[in-house]
Amino acid sequence: ILHTKRQALEMASDEIAKANQIILKQSQELLNQ
């Protein structure tokens, strides 16, 4: 059960990393604009 919850946390951390990447891309696009 703990292992499954750890996987969920890892998925959440991956999603946070993806959101950070999206924010960086958007900041670059704003600089280009």
PDB file of all heavy atoms in Angstrom:
ATOM      1  N   ILE A   1       0.843  -1.212   0.000  1.00  0.00           N
ATOM      2  CA  ILE A   1       0.000   0.000   0.000  1.00  0.00           C
ATOM      3  C   ILE A   1       0.872   1.253   0.000  1.00  0.00           C
ATOM      4  O   ILE A   1       0.634   2.221  -0.734  1.00  0.00           O
ATOM      5  CB  ILE A   1      -0.933  -0.011   1.218  1.00  0.00           C
ATOM      6  CG1 ILE A   1      -1.922  -1.170   1.089  1.00  0.00           C
ATOM      7  CG2 ILE A   1      -1.683   1.318   1.350  1.00  0.00           C
ATOM      8  CD1 ILE A   1      -2.627  -1.533   2.372  1.00  0.00           C
ATOM      9  N   LEU A   2       1.973   1.176   0.820  1.00  0.00           N
ATOM     10  CA  LEU A   2       2.890   2.327   0.856  1.00  0.00           C
ATOM     11  C   LEU A   2       3.568   2.531  -0.484  1.00  0.00           C
ATOM     12  O   LEU A   2       3.807   3.667  -0.928  1.00  0.00           O
ATOM     13  CB  LEU A   2       3.937   2.114   1.957  1.00  0.00           C
ATOM     14  CG  LEU A   2       3.441   2.221   3.403  1.00  0.00           C
ATOM     15  CD1 LEU A   2       4.511   1.701   4.366  1.00  0.00           C
ATOM     16  CD2 LEU A   2       3.088   3.647   3.736  1.00  0.00           C
ATOM     17  N   HIS A   3       3.891   1.381  -1.135  1.00  0.00           N
ATOM     18  CA  HIS A   3       4.540   1.483  -2.452  1.00  0.00           C
ATOM     19  C   HIS A   3       3.635   2.168  -3.480  1.00  0.00           C
ATOM     20  O   HIS A   3       4.087   3.010  -4.268  1.00  0.00           O
ATOM     21  CB  HIS A   3       4.913   0.075  -2.913  1.00  0.00           C
ATOM     22  CG  HIS A   3       5.661   0.085  -4.229  1.00  0.00           C
ATOM     23  ND1 HIS A   3       6.949   0.611  -4.364  1.00  0.00           N
ATOM     24  CD2 HIS A   3       5.281  -0.345  -5.477  1.00  0.00           C
ATOM     25  CE1 HIS A   3       7.335   0.496  -5.615  1.00  0.00           C
ATOM     26  NE2 HIS A   3       6.343  -0.081  -6.318  1.00  0.00           N
ATOM     27  N   THR A   4       2.337   1.818  -3.444  1.00  0.00           N
ATOM     28  CA  THR A   4       1.400   2.459  -4.381  1.00  0.00           C
ATOM     29  C   THR A   4       1.289   3.964  -4.103  1.00  0.00           C
ATOM     30  O   THR A   4       1.238   4.787  -5.023  1.00  0.00           O
ATOM     31  CB  THR A   4       0.026   1.816  -4.253  1.00  0.00           C
ATOM     32  OG1 THR A   4      -0.390   1.855  -2.884  1.00  0.00           O
ATOM     33  CG2 THR A   4       0.018   0.382  -4.731  1.00  0.00           C
ATOM     34  N   LYS A   5       1.280   4.339  -2.816  1.00  0.00           N
ATOM     35  CA  LYS A   5       1.185   5.760  -2.489  1.00  0.00           C
ATOM     36  C   LYS A   5       2.450   6.499  -2.873  1.00  0.00           C
ATOM     37  O   LYS A   5       2.400   7.670  -3.295  1.00  0.00           O
ATOM     38  CB  LYS A   5       0.903   5.928  -1.007  1.00  0.00           C
ATOM     39  CG  LYS A   5      -0.509   5.497  -0.654  1.00  0.00           C
ATOM     40  CD  LYS A   5      -0.829   5.757   0.777  1.00  0.00           C
ATOM     41  CE  LYS A   5      -2.266   5.368   1.072  1.00  0.00           C
ATOM     42  NZ  LYS A   5      -2.644   5.597   2.480  1.00  0.00           N
ATOM     43  N   ARG A   6       3.602   5.819  -2.770  1.00  0.00           N
ATOM     44  CA  ARG A   6       4.843   6.450  -3.222  1.00  0.00           C
ATOM     45  C   ARG A   6       4.809   6.699  -4.720  1.00  0.00           C
ATOM     46  O   ARG A   6       5.272   7.738  -5.209  1.00  0.00           O
ATOM     47  CB  ARG A   6       6.028   5.543  -2.867  1.00  0.00           C
ATOM     48  CG  ARG A   6       6.419   5.597  -1.423  1.00  0.00           C
ATOM     49  CD  ARG A   6       7.546   4.626  -1.144  1.00  0.00           C
ATOM     50  NE  ARG A   6       7.855   4.559   0.263  1.00  0.00           N
ATOM     51  CZ  ARG A   6       8.714   3.698   0.791  1.00  0.00           C
ATOM     52  NH1 ARG A   6       9.337   2.818  -0.010  1.00  0.00           N
ATOM     53  NH2 ARG A   6       8.947   3.709   2.081  1.00  0.00           N
ATOM     54  N   GLN A   7       4.267   5.733  -5.452  1.00  0.00           N
ATOM     55  CA  GLN A   7       4.134   5.920  -6.906  1.00  0.00           C
ATOM     56  C   GLN A   7       3.250   7.135  -7.214  1.00  0.00           C
ATOM     57  O   GLN A   7       3.540   7.915  -8.117  1.00  0.00           O
ATOM     58  CB  GLN A   7       3.531   4.674  -7.534  1.00  0.00           C
ATOM     59  CG  GLN A   7       4.507   3.518  -7.614  1.00  0.00           C
ATOM     60  CD  GLN A   7       3.881   2.272  -8.231  1.00  0.00           C
ATOM     61  OE1 GLN A   7       2.689   2.267  -8.519  1.00  0.00           O
ATOM     62  NE2 GLN A   7       4.693   1.241  -8.431  1.00  0.00           N
ATOM     63  N   ALA A   8       2.181   7.280  -6.424  1.00  0.00           N
ATOM     64  CA  ALA A   8       1.311   8.452  -6.640  1.00  0.00           C
ATOM     65  C   ALA A   8       2.058   9.738  -6.375  1.00  0.00           C
ATOM     66  O   ALA A   8       1.926  10.731  -7.114  1.00  0.00           O
ATOM     67  CB  ALA A   8       0.086   8.351  -5.725  1.00  0.00           C
ATOM     68  N   LEU A   9       2.906   9.743  -5.332  1.00  0.00           N
ATOM     69  CA  LEU A   9       3.702  10.943  -5.041  1.00  0.00           C
ATOM     70  C   LEU A   9       4.686  11.232  -6.157  1.00  0.00           C
ATOM     71  O   LEU A   9       4.919  12.394  -6.536  1.00  0.00           O
ATOM     72  CB  LEU A   9       4.431  10.775  -3.714  1.00  0.00           C
ATOM     73  CG  LEU A   9       3.569  10.851  -2.450  1.00  0.00           C
ATOM     74  CD1 LEU A   9       4.367  10.388  -1.240  1.00  0.00           C
ATOM     75  CD2 LEU A   9       3.084  12.266  -2.243  1.00  0.00           C
ATOM     76  N   GLU A  10       5.286  10.156  -6.683  1.00  0.00           N
ATOM     77  CA  GLU A  10       6.229  10.354  -7.792  1.00  0.00           C
ATOM     78  C   GLU A  10       5.514  10.913  -9.017  1.00  0.00           C
ATOM     79  O   GLU A  10       6.043  11.790  -9.722  1.00  0.00           O
ATOM     80  CB  GLU A  10       6.906   9.014  -8.115  1.00  0.00           C
ATOM     81  CG  GLU A  10       7.917   8.591  -7.062  1.00  0.00           C
ATOM     82  CD  GLU A  10       8.494   7.215  -7.354  1.00  0.00           C
ATOM     83  OE1 GLU A  10       8.047   6.602  -8.352  1.00  0.00           O
ATOM     84  OE2 GLU A  10       9.397   6.768  -6.614  1.00  0.00           O
ATOM     85  N   MET A  11       4.318  10.403  -9.265  1.00  0.00           N
ATOM     86  CA  MET A  11       3.532  10.947 -10.379  1.00  0.00           C
ATOM     87  C   MET A  11       3.232  12.427 -10.158  1.00  0.00           C
ATOM     88  O   MET A  11       3.304  13.248 -11.087  1.00  0.00           O
ATOM     89  CB  MET A  11       2.230  10.167 -10.515  1.00  0.00           C
ATOM     90  CG  MET A  11       2.398   8.732 -10.986  1.00  0.00           C
ATOM     91  SD  MET A  11       2.962   8.612 -12.685  1.00  0.00           S
ATOM     92  CE  MET A  11       1.469   9.080 -13.524  1.00  0.00           C
ATOM     93  N   ALA A  12       2.905  12.793  -8.925  1.00  0.00           N
ATOM     94  CA  ALA A  12       2.616  14.199  -8.626  1.00  0.00           C
ATOM     95  C   ALA A  12       3.851  15.055  -8.824  1.00  0.00           C
ATOM     96  O   ALA A  12       3.782  16.158  -9.396  1.00  0.00           O
ATOM     97  CB  ALA A  12       2.105  14.329  -7.197  1.00  0.00           C
ATOM     98  N   SER A  13       5.043  14.497  -8.395  1.00  0.00           N
ATOM     99  CA  SER A  13       6.293  15.266  -8.593  1.00  0.00           C
ATOM    100  C   SER A  13       6.601  15.401 -10.078  1.00  0.00           C
ATOM    101  O   SER A  13       7.066  16.453 -10.535  1.00  0.00           O
ATOM    102  CB  SER A  13       7.438  14.576  -7.855  1.00  0.00           C
ATOM    103  OG  SER A  13       7.652  13.270  -8.395  1.00  0.00           O
ATOM    104  N   ASP A  14       6.313  14.333 -10.866  1.00  0.00           N
ATOM    105  CA  ASP A  14       6.523  14.432 -12.317  1.00  0.00           C
ATOM    106  C   ASP A  14       5.627  15.502 -12.933  1.00  0.00           C
ATOM    107  O   ASP A  14       6.054  16.272 -13.805  1.00  0.00           O
ATOM    108  CB  ASP A  14       6.243  13.069 -12.968  1.00  0.00           C
ATOM    109  CG  ASP A  14       7.296  12.038 -12.567  1.00  0.00           C
ATOM    110  OD1 ASP A  14       8.452  12.443 -12.316  1.00  0.00           O
ATOM    111  OD2 ASP A  14       6.941  10.844 -12.523  1.00  0.00           O
ATOM    112  N   GLU A  15       4.384  15.529 -12.477  1.00  0.00           N
ATOM    113  CA  GLU A  15       3.469  16.552 -13.002  1.00  0.00           C
ATOM    114  C   GLU A  15       3.930  17.950 -12.643  1.00  0.00           C
ATOM    115  O   GLU A  15       3.836  18.885 -13.453  1.00  0.00           O
ATOM    116  CB  GLU A  15       2.055  16.304 -12.450  1.00  0.00           C
ATOM    117  CG  GLU A  15       1.383  15.103 -13.068  1.00  0.00           C
ATOM    118  CD  GLU A  15      -0.006  14.864 -12.499  1.00  0.00           C
ATOM    119  OE1 GLU A  15      -0.386  15.607 -11.565  1.00  0.00           O
ATOM    120  OE2 GLU A  15      -0.695  13.942 -12.995  1.00  0.00           O
ATOM    121  N   ILE A  16       4.474  18.103 -11.440  1.00  0.00           N
ATOM    122  CA  ILE A  16       5.002  19.423 -11.036  1.00  0.00           C
ATOM    123  C   ILE A  16       6.177  19.804 -11.916  1.00  0.00           C
ATOM    124  O   ILE A  16       6.321  20.957 -12.345  1.00  0.00           O
ATOM    125  CB  ILE A  16       5.383  19.402  -9.559  1.00  0.00           C
ATOM    126  CG1 ILE A  16       4.112  19.314  -8.699  1.00  0.00           C
ATOM    127  CG2 ILE A  16       6.187  20.639  -9.176  1.00  0.00           C
ATOM    128  CD1 ILE A  16       4.359  18.861  -7.290  1.00  0.00           C
ATOM    129  N   ALA A  17       7.044  18.806 -12.232  1.00  0.00           N
ATOM    130  CA  ALA A  17       8.188  19.096 -13.102  1.00  0.00           C
ATOM    131  C   ALA A  17       7.723  19.488 -14.497  1.00  0.00           C
ATOM    132  O   ALA A  17       8.251  20.428 -15.110  1.00  0.00           O
ATOM    133  CB  ALA A  17       9.095  17.857 -13.171  1.00  0.00           C
ATOM    134  N   LYS A  18       6.683  18.780 -14.986  1.00  0.00           N
ATOM    135  CA  LYS A  18       6.129  19.143 -16.301  1.00  0.00           C
ATOM    136  C   LYS A  18       5.554  20.558 -16.277  1.00  0.00           C
ATOM    137  O   LYS A  18       5.725  21.321 -17.228  1.00  0.00           O
ATOM    138  CB  LYS A  18       5.049  18.149 -16.689  1.00  0.00           C
ATOM    139  CG  LYS A  18       5.590  16.795 -17.083  1.00  0.00           C
ATOM    140  CD  LYS A  18       4.455  15.852 -17.427  1.00  0.00           C
ATOM    141  CE  LYS A  18       4.968  14.460 -17.782  1.00  0.00           C
ATOM    142  NZ  LYS A  18       3.868  13.517 -18.094  1.00  0.00           N
ATOM    143  N   ALA A  19       4.855  20.881 -15.187  1.00  0.00           N
ATOM    144  CA  ALA A  19       4.294  22.239 -15.083  1.00  0.00           C
ATOM    145  C   ALA A  19       5.405  23.273 -15.063  1.00  0.00           C
ATOM    146  O   ALA A  19       5.280  24.353 -15.675  1.00  0.00           O
ATOM    147  CB  ALA A  19       3.445  22.332 -13.821  1.00  0.00           C
ATOM    148  N   ASN A  20       6.537  22.948 -14.388  1.00  0.00           N
ATOM    149  CA  ASN A  20       7.668  23.882 -14.391  1.00  0.00           C
ATOM    150  C   ASN A  20       8.215  24.065 -15.793  1.00  0.00           C
ATOM    151  O   ASN A  20       8.553  25.181 -16.214  1.00  0.00           O
ATOM    152  CB  ASN A  20       8.758  23.369 -13.453  1.00  0.00           C
ATOM    153  CG  ASN A  20       8.357  23.487 -11.996  1.00  0.00           C
ATOM    154  OD1 ASN A  20       7.703  24.477 -11.641  1.00  0.00           O
ATOM    155  ND2 ASN A  20       8.693  22.513 -11.175  1.00  0.00           N
ATOM    156  N   GLN A  21       8.304  22.948 -16.539  1.00  0.00           N
ATOM    157  CA  GLN A  21       8.787  23.052 -17.916  1.00  0.00           C
ATOM    158  C   GLN A  21       7.852  23.906 -18.764  1.00  0.00           C
ATOM    159  O   GLN A  21       8.300  24.738 -19.564  1.00  0.00           O
ATOM    160  CB  GLN A  21       8.915  21.645 -18.513  1.00  0.00           C
ATOM    161  CG  GLN A  21      10.056  20.832 -17.925  1.00  0.00           C
ATOM    162  CD  GLN A  21      10.115  19.420 -18.479  1.00  0.00           C
ATOM    163  OE1 GLN A  21       9.284  19.066 -19.324  1.00  0.00           O
ATOM    164  NE2 GLN A  21      11.095  18.631 -18.022  1.00  0.00           N
ATOM    165  N   ILE A  22       6.530  23.716 -18.583  1.00  0.00           N
ATOM    166  CA  ILE A  22       5.557  24.520 -19.348  1.00  0.00           C
ATOM    167  C   ILE A  22       5.707  25.994 -19.013  1.00  0.00           C
ATOM    168  O   ILE A  22       5.679  26.866 -19.889  1.00  0.00           O
ATOM    169  CB  ILE A  22       4.127  24.024 -19.064  1.00  0.00           C
ATOM    170  CG1 ILE A  22       3.931  22.637 -19.691  1.00  0.00           C
ATOM    171  CG2 ILE A  22       3.090  24.987 -19.624  1.00  0.00           C
ATOM    172  CD1 ILE A  22       2.748  21.879 -19.126  1.00  0.00           C
ATOM    173  N   ILE A  23       5.923  26.279 -17.708  1.00  0.00           N
ATOM    174  CA  ILE A  23       6.072  27.686 -17.301  1.00  0.00           C
ATOM    175  C   ILE A  23       7.335  28.282 -17.901  1.00  0.00           C
ATOM    176  O   ILE A  23       7.345  29.433 -18.362  1.00  0.00           O
ATOM    177  CB  ILE A  23       6.070  27.776 -15.771  1.00  0.00           C
ATOM    178  CG1 ILE A  23       4.661  27.459 -15.239  1.00  0.00           C
ATOM    179  CG2 ILE A  23       6.514  29.152 -15.295  1.00  0.00           C
ATOM    180  CD1 ILE A  23       4.634  27.076 -13.801  1.00  0.00           C
ATOM    181  N   LEU A  24       8.437  27.484 -17.942  1.00  0.00           N
ATOM    182  CA  LEU A  24       9.669  27.992 -18.556  1.00  0.00           C
ATOM    183  C   LEU A  24       9.482  28.273 -20.040  1.00  0.00           C
ATOM    184  O   LEU A  24       9.920  29.303 -20.585  1.00  0.00           O
ATOM    185  CB  LEU A  24      10.792  26.969 -18.340  1.00  0.00           C
ATOM    186  CG  LEU A  24      11.292  26.812 -16.896  1.00  0.00           C
ATOM    187  CD1 LEU A  24      12.193  25.598 -16.773  1.00  0.00           C
ATOM    188  CD2 LEU A  24      12.029  28.064 -16.442  1.00  0.00           C
ATOM    189  N   LYS A  25       8.791  27.326 -20.703  1.00  0.00           N
ATOM    190  CA  LYS A  25       8.533  27.548 -22.129  1.00  0.00           C
ATOM    191  C   LYS A  25       7.710  28.811 -22.341  1.00  0.00           C
ATOM    192  O   LYS A  25       7.971  29.605 -23.237  1.00  0.00           O
ATOM    193  CB  LYS A  25       7.781  26.337 -22.700  1.00  0.00           C
ATOM    194  CG  LYS A  25       8.659  25.127 -22.876  1.00  0.00           C
ATOM    195  CD  LYS A  25       7.843  23.972 -23.446  1.00  0.00           C
ATOM    196  CE  LYS A  25       8.691  22.716 -23.586  1.00  0.00           C
ATOM    197  NZ  LYS A  25       7.897  21.567 -24.114  1.00  0.00           N
ATOM    198  N   GLN A  26       6.698  28.984 -21.516  1.00  0.00           N
ATOM    199  CA  GLN A  26       5.849  30.173 -21.668  1.00  0.00           C
ATOM    200  C   GLN A  26       6.623  31.452 -21.389  1.00  0.00           C
ATOM    201  O   GLN A  26       6.406  32.465 -22.054  1.00  0.00           O
ATOM    202  CB  GLN A  26       4.650  30.076 -20.722  1.00  0.00           C
ATOM    203  CG  GLN A  26       3.633  29.045 -21.159  1.00  0.00           C
ATOM    204  CD  GLN A  26       2.512  28.891 -20.180  1.00  0.00           C
ATOM    205  OE1 GLN A  26       2.558  29.498 -19.117  1.00  0.00           O
ATOM    206  NE2 GLN A  26       1.542  28.067 -20.528  1.00  0.00           N
ATOM    207  N   SER A  27       7.569  31.394 -20.413  1.00  0.00           N
ATOM    208  CA  SER A  27       8.390  32.587 -20.153  1.00  0.00           C
ATOM    209  C   SER A  27       9.286  32.896 -21.345  1.00  0.00           C
ATOM    210  O   SER A  27       9.447  34.063 -21.735  1.00  0.00           O
ATOM    211  CB  SER A  27       9.221  32.366 -18.902  1.00  0.00           C
ATOM    212  OG  SER A  27      10.130  31.291 -19.096  1.00  0.00           O
ATOM    213  N   GLN A  28       9.827  31.825 -21.976  1.00  0.00           N
ATOM    214  CA  GLN A  28      10.639  32.058 -23.180  1.00  0.00           C
ATOM    215  C   GLN A  28       9.804  32.647 -24.307  1.00  0.00           C
ATOM    216  O   GLN A  28      10.226  33.576 -25.012  1.00  0.00           O
ATOM    217  CB  GLN A  28      11.268  30.730 -23.617  1.00  0.00           C
ATOM    218  CG  GLN A  28      12.372  30.245 -22.686  1.00  0.00           C
ATOM    219  CD  GLN A  28      12.923  28.888 -23.089  1.00  0.00           C
ATOM    220  OE1 GLN A  28      12.457  28.312 -24.078  1.00  0.00           O
ATOM    221  NE2 GLN A  28      13.895  28.388 -22.335  1.00  0.00           N
ATOM    222  N   GLU A  29       8.595  32.115 -24.460  1.00  0.00           N
ATOM    223  CA  GLU A  29       7.725  32.653 -25.509  1.00  0.00           C
ATOM    224  C   GLU A  29       7.347  34.101 -25.226  1.00  0.00           C
ATOM    225  O   GLU A  29       7.260  34.929 -26.144  1.00  0.00           O
ATOM    226  CB  GLU A  29       6.458  31.801 -25.599  1.00  0.00           C
ATOM    227  CG  GLU A  29       6.722  30.439 -26.209  1.00  0.00           C
ATOM    228  CD  GLU A  29       5.473  29.576 -26.210  1.00  0.00           C
ATOM    229  OE1 GLU A  29       4.473  30.037 -25.655  1.00  0.00           O
ATOM    230  OE2 GLU A  29       5.517  28.456 -26.756  1.00  0.00           O
ATOM    231  N   LEU A  30       7.145  34.445 -23.965  1.00  0.00           N
ATOM    232  CA  LEU A  30       6.852  35.834 -23.620  1.00  0.00           C
ATOM    233  C   LEU A  30       8.025  36.749 -23.935  1.00  0.00           C
ATOM    234  O   LEU A  30       7.844  37.879 -24.412  1.00  0.00           O
ATOM    235  CB  LEU A  30       6.471  35.949 -22.145  1.00  0.00           C
ATOM    236  CG  LEU A  30       5.107  35.382 -21.754  1.00  0.00           C
ATOM    237  CD1 LEU A  30       4.991  35.276 -20.248  1.00  0.00           C
ATOM    238  CD2 LEU A  30       4.001  36.250 -22.302  1.00  0.00           C
ATOM    239  N   LEU A  31       9.266  36.253 -23.690  1.00  0.00           N
ATOM    240  CA  LEU A  31      10.444  37.064 -24.057  1.00  0.00           C
ATOM    241  C   LEU A  31      10.527  37.274 -25.556  1.00  0.00           C
ATOM    242  O   LEU A  31      10.810  38.386 -26.051  1.00  0.00           O
ATOM    243  CB  LEU A  31      11.708  36.369 -23.542  1.00  0.00           C
ATOM    244  CG  LEU A  31      11.889  36.329 -22.022  1.00  0.00           C
ATOM    245  CD1 LEU A  31      13.021  35.386 -21.642  1.00  0.00           C
ATOM    246  CD2 LEU A  31      12.160  37.717 -21.487  1.00  0.00           C
ATOM    247  N   ASN A  32      10.240  36.186 -26.313  1.00  0.00           N
ATOM    248  CA  ASN A  32      10.233  36.335 -27.776  1.00  0.00           C
ATOM    249  C   ASN A  32       9.174  37.325 -28.233  1.00  0.00           C
ATOM    250  O   ASN A  32       9.389  38.131 -29.145  1.00  0.00           O
ATOM    251  CB  ASN A  32       9.990  34.968 -28.421  1.00  0.00           C
ATOM    252  CG  ASN A  32      11.154  34.020 -28.200  1.00  0.00           C
ATOM    253  OD1 ASN A  32      12.319  34.441 -28.248  1.00  0.00           O
ATOM    254  ND2 ASN A  32      10.874  32.751 -27.953  1.00  0.00           N
ATOM    255  N   GLN A  33       8.005  37.272 -27.591  1.00  0.00           N
ATOM    256  CA  GLN A  33       6.927  38.210 -27.950  1.00  0.00           C
ATOM    257  C   GLN A  33       7.310  39.638 -27.630  1.00  0.00           C
ATOM    258  O   GLN A  33       6.949  40.565 -28.347  1.00  0.00           O
ATOM    259  CB  GLN A  33       5.645  37.832 -27.209  1.00  0.00           C
ATOM    260  CG  GLN A  33       4.996  36.579 -27.753  1.00  0.00           C
ATOM    261  CD  GLN A  33       3.789  36.157 -26.953  1.00  0.00           C
ATOM    262  OE1 GLN A  33       3.454  36.824 -25.986  1.00  0.00           O
ATOM    263  NE2 GLN A  33       3.187  35.056 -27.355  1.00  0.00           N
TER     264      GLN A  33
END
